[in-house]
C-alpha cells in the first residue's frame, strides 16, 4: 500500500503528495505541542473541575477543557477574536502553532497551496466559519461576520 507521501492510482482515486511540516496542539493537557506531549508522557489527565460555570447543580462536575488559552497571542487582527466562537479561536491557535512549528515564512507561502487538518472531539466546528474567520478576520482589514453560521 502506498504511503501518504507518495503518488499512486488506486482504482478511480488518485492519491496526492502530502507533506506534514508542522504540528499545533491546544488541548486540556497544554496549549502547545510540547506541553501536551509532556503531559501525555507524564501520564497526567486533562480532566479537572469545571470552571466556566457553576456545575454544582449538575451530575457532571468535571471535564477535559482547555485552560488558560488566550487567542490574542495568535490572531493578527485582535478585534476579530471578539467575533469568533471559542472553538474557532482554539483552531486558529493550533493552526498558527503548526505554521510556526513548520517555520513558514508567510510572505513566501502561496495561500492556495497551504492546508490545515483540524482534529476535534465532540465539538461542532463549521469549517466554513473557520475559513471565513481565518480569511476575513485575519487577512482582511475588517472582520466581516455576515456569512458566519449560514448554510451553503
N, C-alpha and C. Protein backbone atom coordinates (compact mmCIF):
# COMPACT_ATOMS: atom_id res chain seq x y z
N UNK A 1 0.85 -1.18 0.00
CA UNK A 1 0.00 0.00 0.00
C UNK A 1 0.89 1.24 0.00
N UNK A 2 0.62 2.22 -0.87
CA UNK A 2 1.46 3.41 -0.92
C UNK A 2 1.28 4.28 0.32
N UNK A 3 2.31 4.98 0.69
CA UNK A 3 2.23 5.88 1.83
C UNK A 3 1.54 7.17 1.42
N UNK A 4 1.17 7.98 2.40
CA UNK A 4 0.52 9.25 2.12
C UNK A 4 1.45 10.21 1.39
N UNK A 5 2.73 9.97 1.45
CA UNK A 5 3.69 10.87 0.82
C UNK A 5 4.05 10.43 -0.59
N UNK A 6 3.33 9.45 -1.14
CA UNK A 6 3.62 9.00 -2.50
C UNK A 6 2.44 9.32 -3.41
N UNK A 7 2.67 9.23 -4.70
CA UNK A 7 1.61 9.42 -5.67
C UNK A 7 1.31 8.09 -6.31
N UNK A 8 0.05 7.68 -6.28
CA UNK A 8 -0.33 6.40 -6.87
C UNK A 8 -1.77 6.48 -7.32
N UNK A 9 -2.16 5.57 -8.19
CA UNK A 9 -3.54 5.49 -8.62
C UNK A 9 -4.12 4.19 -8.08
N UNK A 10 -5.23 4.32 -7.39
CA UNK A 10 -5.92 3.18 -6.81
C UNK A 10 -7.36 3.23 -7.32
N UNK A 11 -7.69 2.39 -8.30
CA UNK A 11 -9.00 2.42 -8.97
C UNK A 11 -9.22 3.82 -9.53
N UNK A 12 -10.28 4.49 -9.08
CA UNK A 12 -10.57 5.82 -9.62
C UNK A 12 -10.04 6.93 -8.73
N UNK A 13 -9.35 6.59 -7.67
CA UNK A 13 -8.84 7.58 -6.73
C UNK A 13 -7.36 7.80 -6.96
N UNK A 14 -6.98 9.04 -7.10
CA UNK A 14 -5.58 9.38 -7.22
C UNK A 14 -5.10 9.96 -5.90
N UNK A 15 -4.10 9.33 -5.32
CA UNK A 15 -3.51 9.85 -4.09
C UNK A 15 -2.53 10.94 -4.46
N UNK A 16 -2.51 12.01 -3.69
CA UNK A 16 -1.61 13.13 -3.97
C UNK A 16 -0.59 13.23 -2.87
N UNK A 17 0.54 13.83 -3.22
CA UNK A 17 1.59 14.01 -2.23
C UNK A 17 1.15 14.99 -1.15
N UNK A 18 1.44 14.60 0.07
CA UNK A 18 1.13 15.44 1.21
C UNK A 18 2.38 15.48 2.09
N UNK A 19 2.72 16.66 2.53
CA UNK A 19 3.87 16.81 3.41
C UNK A 19 3.40 17.48 4.69
N UNK A 20 3.59 16.80 5.80
CA UNK A 20 3.26 17.38 7.10
C UNK A 20 4.51 18.09 7.59
N UNK A 21 4.41 19.40 7.68
CA UNK A 21 5.60 20.17 8.04
C UNK A 21 5.53 20.77 9.44
N UNK A 22 4.34 20.86 10.00
CA UNK A 22 4.22 21.46 11.32
C UNK A 22 3.01 20.93 12.06
N UNK A 23 3.09 20.94 13.38
CA UNK A 23 2.01 20.46 14.22
C UNK A 23 1.70 21.52 15.26
N UNK A 24 0.43 21.75 15.49
CA UNK A 24 -0.03 22.67 16.54
C UNK A 24 -1.03 21.96 17.42
N UNK A 25 -0.93 22.15 18.71
CA UNK A 25 -1.82 21.46 19.65
C UNK A 25 -2.32 22.44 20.71
N UNK A 26 -3.63 22.45 20.89
CA UNK A 26 -4.27 23.15 22.00
C UNK A 26 -5.18 22.09 22.63
N UNK A 27 -4.86 21.68 23.85
CA UNK A 27 -5.58 20.55 24.45
C UNK A 27 -5.73 20.76 25.96
N UNK A 28 -6.55 19.93 26.60
CA UNK A 28 -6.67 20.01 28.05
C UNK A 28 -5.36 19.74 28.80
N UNK A 29 -4.39 19.11 28.13
CA UNK A 29 -3.10 18.85 28.76
C UNK A 29 -2.13 20.02 28.63
N UNK A 30 -2.37 20.89 27.68
CA UNK A 30 -1.48 22.03 27.48
C UNK A 30 -1.83 22.76 26.21
N UNK A 31 -1.40 23.98 26.11
CA UNK A 31 -1.76 24.82 24.97
C UNK A 31 -0.69 24.86 23.89
N UNK A 32 0.28 23.97 23.98
CA UNK A 32 1.32 23.84 22.96
C UNK A 32 1.62 22.37 22.74
N UNK A 33 2.29 22.08 21.63
CA UNK A 33 2.70 20.71 21.35
C UNK A 33 3.57 20.16 22.48
N UNK A 34 4.57 20.93 22.90
CA UNK A 34 5.49 20.46 23.94
C UNK A 34 4.77 20.21 25.27
N UNK A 35 3.90 21.13 25.67
CA UNK A 35 3.19 20.97 26.95
C UNK A 35 2.25 19.76 26.90
N UNK A 36 1.56 19.59 25.78
CA UNK A 36 0.64 18.45 25.65
C UNK A 36 1.41 17.13 25.64
N UNK A 37 2.51 17.09 24.91
CA UNK A 37 3.32 15.87 24.83
C UNK A 37 3.90 15.53 26.19
N UNK A 38 4.39 16.55 26.88
CA UNK A 38 4.95 16.34 28.22
C UNK A 38 3.88 15.78 29.16
N UNK A 39 2.66 16.31 29.07
CA UNK A 39 1.57 15.81 29.90
C UNK A 39 1.23 14.36 29.60
N UNK A 40 1.24 14.01 28.31
CA UNK A 40 0.98 12.61 27.93
C UNK A 40 2.05 11.69 28.48
N UNK A 41 3.32 12.07 28.30
CA UNK A 41 4.41 11.22 28.78
C UNK A 41 4.40 11.07 30.30
N UNK A 42 3.96 12.11 31.00
CA UNK A 42 3.91 12.07 32.46
C UNK A 42 2.66 11.36 32.98
N UNK A 43 1.74 11.02 32.06
CA UNK A 43 0.52 10.33 32.47
C UNK A 43 -0.49 11.23 33.15
N UNK A 44 -0.37 12.54 32.93
CA UNK A 44 -1.33 13.49 33.53
C UNK A 44 -2.67 13.42 32.82
N UNK A 45 -3.69 13.79 33.53
CA UNK A 45 -5.05 13.87 32.98
C UNK A 45 -5.39 15.34 32.76
N UNK A 46 -6.12 15.61 31.70
CA UNK A 46 -6.59 16.97 31.45
C UNK A 46 -7.94 17.24 32.09
N UNK A 47 -8.49 16.24 32.77
CA UNK A 47 -9.79 16.38 33.42
C UNK A 47 -9.63 17.13 34.73
N UNK A 48 -10.51 18.10 34.96
CA UNK A 48 -10.46 18.92 36.17
C UNK A 48 -11.87 19.46 36.45
N UNK A 49 -12.09 20.03 37.64
CA UNK A 49 -13.40 20.62 37.91
C UNK A 49 -13.74 21.70 36.88
N UNK A 50 -15.00 21.74 36.48
CA UNK A 50 -15.46 22.73 35.51
C UNK A 50 -15.35 24.12 36.13
N UNK A 51 -14.71 25.04 35.42
CA UNK A 51 -14.51 26.40 35.91
C UNK A 51 -15.32 27.44 35.14
N UNK A 52 -15.84 27.10 33.95
CA UNK A 52 -16.51 28.07 33.10
C UNK A 52 -17.87 28.51 33.64
N UNK A 53 -18.48 27.68 34.49
CA UNK A 53 -19.77 27.99 35.09
C UNK A 53 -19.93 27.16 36.35
N UNK A 54 -20.93 27.47 37.15
CA UNK A 54 -21.19 26.71 38.38
C UNK A 54 -21.86 25.38 38.00
N UNK A 55 -21.11 24.31 38.09
CA UNK A 55 -21.60 22.99 37.70
C UNK A 55 -22.12 22.20 38.89
N UNK A 56 -22.19 22.81 40.05
CA UNK A 56 -22.57 22.06 41.26
C UNK A 56 -23.97 21.47 41.18
N UNK A 57 -24.84 22.02 40.39
CA UNK A 57 -26.20 21.50 40.26
C UNK A 57 -26.35 20.43 39.20
N UNK A 58 -25.27 20.05 38.57
CA UNK A 58 -25.30 19.06 37.50
C UNK A 58 -24.68 17.76 37.97
N UNK A 59 -25.05 16.64 37.35
CA UNK A 59 -24.47 15.36 37.75
C UNK A 59 -22.99 15.25 37.38
N UNK A 60 -22.53 16.02 36.41
CA UNK A 60 -21.13 16.01 36.00
C UNK A 60 -20.50 17.34 36.40
N UNK A 61 -19.44 17.27 37.16
CA UNK A 61 -18.78 18.50 37.63
C UNK A 61 -17.34 18.62 37.15
N UNK A 62 -16.88 17.63 36.40
CA UNK A 62 -15.52 17.64 35.87
C UNK A 62 -15.56 17.49 34.35
N UNK A 63 -14.57 18.06 33.67
CA UNK A 63 -14.50 17.95 32.21
C UNK A 63 -13.05 18.16 31.77
N UNK A 64 -12.78 17.75 30.56
CA UNK A 64 -11.46 17.96 29.96
C UNK A 64 -11.55 19.21 29.09
N UNK A 65 -11.33 20.35 29.68
CA UNK A 65 -11.43 21.62 28.97
C UNK A 65 -10.06 22.25 28.81
N UNK A 66 -9.92 23.07 27.79
CA UNK A 66 -8.68 23.81 27.56
C UNK A 66 -8.62 24.93 28.58
N UNK A 67 -7.49 25.05 29.23
CA UNK A 67 -7.33 26.04 30.30
C UNK A 67 -6.30 27.10 29.90
N UNK A 68 -6.53 28.31 30.35
CA UNK A 68 -5.57 29.41 30.20
C UNK A 68 -5.15 29.67 28.76
N UNK A 69 -6.08 29.54 27.83
CA UNK A 69 -5.77 29.82 26.43
C UNK A 69 -6.16 31.26 26.11
N UNK A 70 -5.26 31.99 25.49
CA UNK A 70 -5.52 33.37 25.09
C UNK A 70 -5.27 33.50 23.59
N UNK A 71 -6.34 33.65 22.83
CA UNK A 71 -6.24 33.73 21.37
C UNK A 71 -5.50 34.97 20.90
N UNK A 72 -5.38 35.98 21.76
CA UNK A 72 -4.68 37.21 21.34
C UNK A 72 -3.23 36.94 20.97
N UNK A 73 -2.67 35.85 21.44
CA UNK A 73 -1.30 35.52 21.08
C UNK A 73 -1.17 34.95 19.68
N UNK A 74 -2.29 34.67 19.01
CA UNK A 74 -2.25 34.02 17.70
C UNK A 74 -2.92 34.82 16.59
N UNK A 75 -3.87 35.66 16.92
CA UNK A 75 -4.61 36.39 15.90
C UNK A 75 -3.88 37.66 15.50
N UNK A 76 -3.77 37.87 14.20
CA UNK A 76 -3.12 39.09 13.71
C UNK A 76 -4.02 40.30 13.89
N UNK A 77 -5.31 40.09 13.76
CA UNK A 77 -6.29 41.16 13.96
C UNK A 77 -7.04 40.87 15.25
N UNK A 78 -6.61 41.48 16.33
CA UNK A 78 -7.16 41.14 17.64
C UNK A 78 -8.65 41.43 17.77
N UNK A 79 -9.15 42.41 17.02
CA UNK A 79 -10.58 42.70 17.10
C UNK A 79 -11.41 41.54 16.55
N UNK A 80 -10.83 40.73 15.69
CA UNK A 80 -11.55 39.58 15.13
C UNK A 80 -11.85 38.54 16.19
N UNK A 81 -11.06 38.47 17.25
CA UNK A 81 -11.26 37.48 18.31
C UNK A 81 -12.64 37.63 18.94
N UNK A 82 -13.09 38.85 19.09
CA UNK A 82 -14.39 39.10 19.71
C UNK A 82 -15.53 38.50 18.90
N UNK A 83 -15.30 38.29 17.61
CA UNK A 83 -16.33 37.78 16.72
C UNK A 83 -16.29 36.28 16.56
N UNK A 84 -15.28 35.64 17.13
CA UNK A 84 -15.07 34.21 16.92
C UNK A 84 -15.59 33.39 18.10
N UNK A 85 -16.20 32.26 17.77
CA UNK A 85 -16.57 31.26 18.75
C UNK A 85 -15.28 30.71 19.38
N UNK A 86 -15.35 30.25 20.61
CA UNK A 86 -14.15 29.72 21.28
C UNK A 86 -13.51 28.58 20.49
N UNK A 87 -14.32 27.70 19.89
CA UNK A 87 -13.75 26.60 19.11
C UNK A 87 -12.94 27.11 17.94
N UNK A 88 -13.39 28.19 17.33
CA UNK A 88 -12.67 28.79 16.21
C UNK A 88 -11.35 29.39 16.73
N UNK A 89 -11.40 30.03 17.89
CA UNK A 89 -10.18 30.59 18.48
C UNK A 89 -9.15 29.49 18.74
N UNK A 90 -9.61 28.37 19.29
CA UNK A 90 -8.69 27.26 19.56
C UNK A 90 -8.10 26.71 18.27
N UNK A 91 -8.93 26.60 17.23
CA UNK A 91 -8.45 26.09 15.94
C UNK A 91 -7.43 27.04 15.33
N UNK A 92 -7.67 28.34 15.42
CA UNK A 92 -6.72 29.31 14.88
C UNK A 92 -5.42 29.25 15.67
N UNK A 93 -5.50 29.07 16.98
CA UNK A 93 -4.28 28.94 17.79
C UNK A 93 -3.47 27.73 17.38
N UNK A 94 -4.12 26.58 17.19
CA UNK A 94 -3.41 25.37 16.78
C UNK A 94 -2.84 25.51 15.37
N UNK A 95 -3.60 26.13 14.46
CA UNK A 95 -3.12 26.33 13.09
C UNK A 95 -1.92 27.27 13.07
N UNK A 96 -1.96 28.32 13.88
CA UNK A 96 -0.83 29.25 13.95
C UNK A 96 0.41 28.55 14.50
N UNK A 97 0.21 27.70 15.52
CA UNK A 97 1.34 26.94 16.06
C UNK A 97 1.93 26.01 15.01
N UNK A 98 1.07 25.38 14.20
CA UNK A 98 1.56 24.48 13.16
C UNK A 98 2.41 25.25 12.15
N UNK A 99 1.98 26.44 11.80
CA UNK A 99 2.77 27.28 10.89
C UNK A 99 4.10 27.66 11.49
N UNK A 100 4.11 28.02 12.76
CA UNK A 100 5.35 28.36 13.45
C UNK A 100 6.26 27.14 13.54
N UNK A 101 5.68 25.99 13.88
CA UNK A 101 6.44 24.75 14.01
C UNK A 101 7.09 24.37 12.68
N UNK A 102 6.39 24.66 11.58
CA UNK A 102 6.90 24.36 10.25
C UNK A 102 7.94 25.37 9.79
N UNK A 103 8.04 26.50 10.49
CA UNK A 103 8.96 27.54 10.08
C UNK A 103 8.51 28.26 8.82
N UNK A 104 7.20 28.37 8.63
CA UNK A 104 6.67 29.01 7.43
C UNK A 104 6.95 30.51 7.43
N UNK A 105 7.37 30.99 6.30
CA UNK A 105 7.51 32.42 6.07
C UNK A 105 6.24 32.84 5.33
N UNK A 106 5.34 33.50 6.04
CA UNK A 106 4.03 33.83 5.46
C UNK A 106 4.15 34.62 4.17
N UNK A 107 5.14 35.47 4.06
CA UNK A 107 5.30 36.27 2.85
C UNK A 107 5.70 35.41 1.65
N UNK A 108 6.31 34.27 1.90
CA UNK A 108 6.80 33.42 0.81
C UNK A 108 5.86 32.26 0.48
N UNK A 109 4.74 32.13 1.20
CA UNK A 109 3.84 31.00 1.01
C UNK A 109 2.66 31.41 0.13
N UNK A 110 2.39 30.59 -0.88
CA UNK A 110 1.21 30.77 -1.71
C UNK A 110 0.02 30.21 -0.92
N UNK A 111 -0.93 31.06 -0.47
CA UNK A 111 -2.02 30.57 0.37
C UNK A 111 -2.92 29.54 -0.32
N UNK A 112 -2.90 29.48 -1.64
CA UNK A 112 -3.71 28.48 -2.34
C UNK A 112 -3.06 27.10 -2.30
N UNK A 113 -1.81 27.02 -1.84
CA UNK A 113 -1.09 25.74 -1.76
C UNK A 113 -0.89 25.30 -0.31
N UNK A 114 -1.61 25.91 0.60
CA UNK A 114 -1.45 25.64 2.03
C UNK A 114 -2.74 25.07 2.58
N UNK A 115 -2.63 24.07 3.44
CA UNK A 115 -3.82 23.47 4.03
C UNK A 115 -3.59 23.17 5.49
N UNK A 116 -4.68 22.92 6.19
CA UNK A 116 -4.59 22.58 7.60
C UNK A 116 -5.62 21.50 7.90
N UNK A 117 -5.22 20.48 8.64
CA UNK A 117 -6.13 19.44 9.09
C UNK A 117 -6.46 19.74 10.54
N UNK A 118 -7.74 19.79 10.86
CA UNK A 118 -8.17 20.11 12.22
C UNK A 118 -8.86 18.88 12.80
N UNK A 119 -8.35 18.41 13.93
CA UNK A 119 -8.97 17.29 14.62
C UNK A 119 -9.59 17.79 15.91
N UNK A 120 -10.82 17.41 16.16
CA UNK A 120 -11.51 17.84 17.37
C UNK A 120 -12.43 16.72 17.83
N UNK A 121 -12.70 16.69 19.09
CA UNK A 121 -13.60 15.69 19.64
C UNK A 121 -14.85 16.33 20.20
N UNK A 122 -16.00 15.89 19.73
CA UNK A 122 -17.29 16.36 20.22
C UNK A 122 -17.45 17.87 20.19
N UNK A 123 -16.94 18.49 19.17
CA UNK A 123 -17.11 19.93 19.01
C UNK A 123 -17.62 20.18 17.61
N UNK A 124 -18.73 20.86 17.52
CA UNK A 124 -19.29 21.16 16.21
C UNK A 124 -18.61 22.41 15.67
N UNK A 125 -17.64 22.22 14.80
CA UNK A 125 -16.93 23.35 14.22
C UNK A 125 -17.32 23.44 12.75
N UNK A 126 -17.87 24.57 12.38
CA UNK A 126 -18.26 24.78 10.99
C UNK A 126 -17.01 25.21 10.22
N UNK A 127 -16.54 24.35 9.34
CA UNK A 127 -15.31 24.64 8.62
C UNK A 127 -15.44 25.92 7.80
N UNK A 128 -16.65 26.20 7.32
CA UNK A 128 -16.85 27.45 6.58
C UNK A 128 -16.62 28.65 7.50
N UNK A 129 -17.09 28.54 8.74
CA UNK A 129 -16.90 29.63 9.69
C UNK A 129 -15.42 29.79 10.01
N UNK A 130 -14.71 28.69 10.16
CA UNK A 130 -13.27 28.76 10.41
C UNK A 130 -12.57 29.43 9.25
N UNK A 131 -12.91 29.01 8.04
CA UNK A 131 -12.28 29.60 6.85
C UNK A 131 -12.58 31.09 6.74
N UNK A 132 -13.84 31.46 6.97
CA UNK A 132 -14.19 32.88 6.94
C UNK A 132 -13.45 33.65 8.02
N UNK A 133 -13.39 33.09 9.22
CA UNK A 133 -12.70 33.77 10.32
C UNK A 133 -11.22 33.93 10.00
N UNK A 134 -10.63 32.89 9.47
CA UNK A 134 -9.22 32.95 9.14
C UNK A 134 -8.97 33.93 8.01
N UNK A 135 -9.80 33.86 6.97
CA UNK A 135 -9.56 34.71 5.81
C UNK A 135 -9.99 36.15 6.06
N UNK A 136 -11.24 36.35 6.45
CA UNK A 136 -11.74 37.71 6.62
C UNK A 136 -11.24 38.38 7.89
N UNK A 137 -11.18 37.62 8.97
CA UNK A 137 -10.79 38.21 10.24
C UNK A 137 -9.29 38.34 10.41
N UNK A 138 -8.54 37.51 9.73
CA UNK A 138 -7.09 37.52 9.92
C UNK A 138 -6.36 38.22 8.77
N UNK A 139 -6.89 38.12 7.57
CA UNK A 139 -6.17 38.64 6.42
C UNK A 139 -6.69 40.01 6.02
N UNK A 140 -8.01 40.14 5.91
CA UNK A 140 -8.57 41.43 5.52
C UNK A 140 -8.47 42.42 6.67
N UNK A 141 -8.65 43.68 6.36
CA UNK A 141 -8.55 44.72 7.37
C UNK A 141 -9.75 44.74 8.29
N UNK A 142 -10.91 44.34 7.78
CA UNK A 142 -12.13 44.34 8.59
C UNK A 142 -12.66 42.92 8.70
N UNK A 143 -13.21 42.61 9.86
CA UNK A 143 -13.79 41.28 10.06
C UNK A 143 -15.25 41.34 9.65
N UNK A 144 -15.63 40.55 8.66
CA UNK A 144 -16.99 40.51 8.15
C UNK A 144 -17.66 39.24 8.68
N UNK A 145 -18.68 39.40 9.49
CA UNK A 145 -19.36 38.23 10.07
C UNK A 145 -20.66 37.91 9.36
N UNK A 146 -20.96 38.56 8.26
CA UNK A 146 -22.24 38.36 7.58
C UNK A 146 -22.45 36.91 7.13
N UNK A 147 -21.38 36.19 6.82
CA UNK A 147 -21.52 34.82 6.34
C UNK A 147 -21.39 33.77 7.43
N UNK A 148 -21.09 34.16 8.67
CA UNK A 148 -20.91 33.18 9.73
C UNK A 148 -22.22 32.48 10.03
N UNK A 149 -22.16 31.16 10.12
CA UNK A 149 -23.32 30.38 10.52
C UNK A 149 -24.34 30.18 9.42
N UNK A 150 -24.06 30.60 8.20
CA UNK A 150 -25.02 30.40 7.12
C UNK A 150 -24.73 29.09 6.40
N UNK A 151 -25.79 28.43 5.97
CA UNK A 151 -25.64 27.18 5.23
C UNK A 151 -25.28 27.49 3.79
N UNK A 152 -24.45 26.63 3.20
CA UNK A 152 -24.12 26.84 1.79
C UNK A 152 -24.66 25.73 0.95
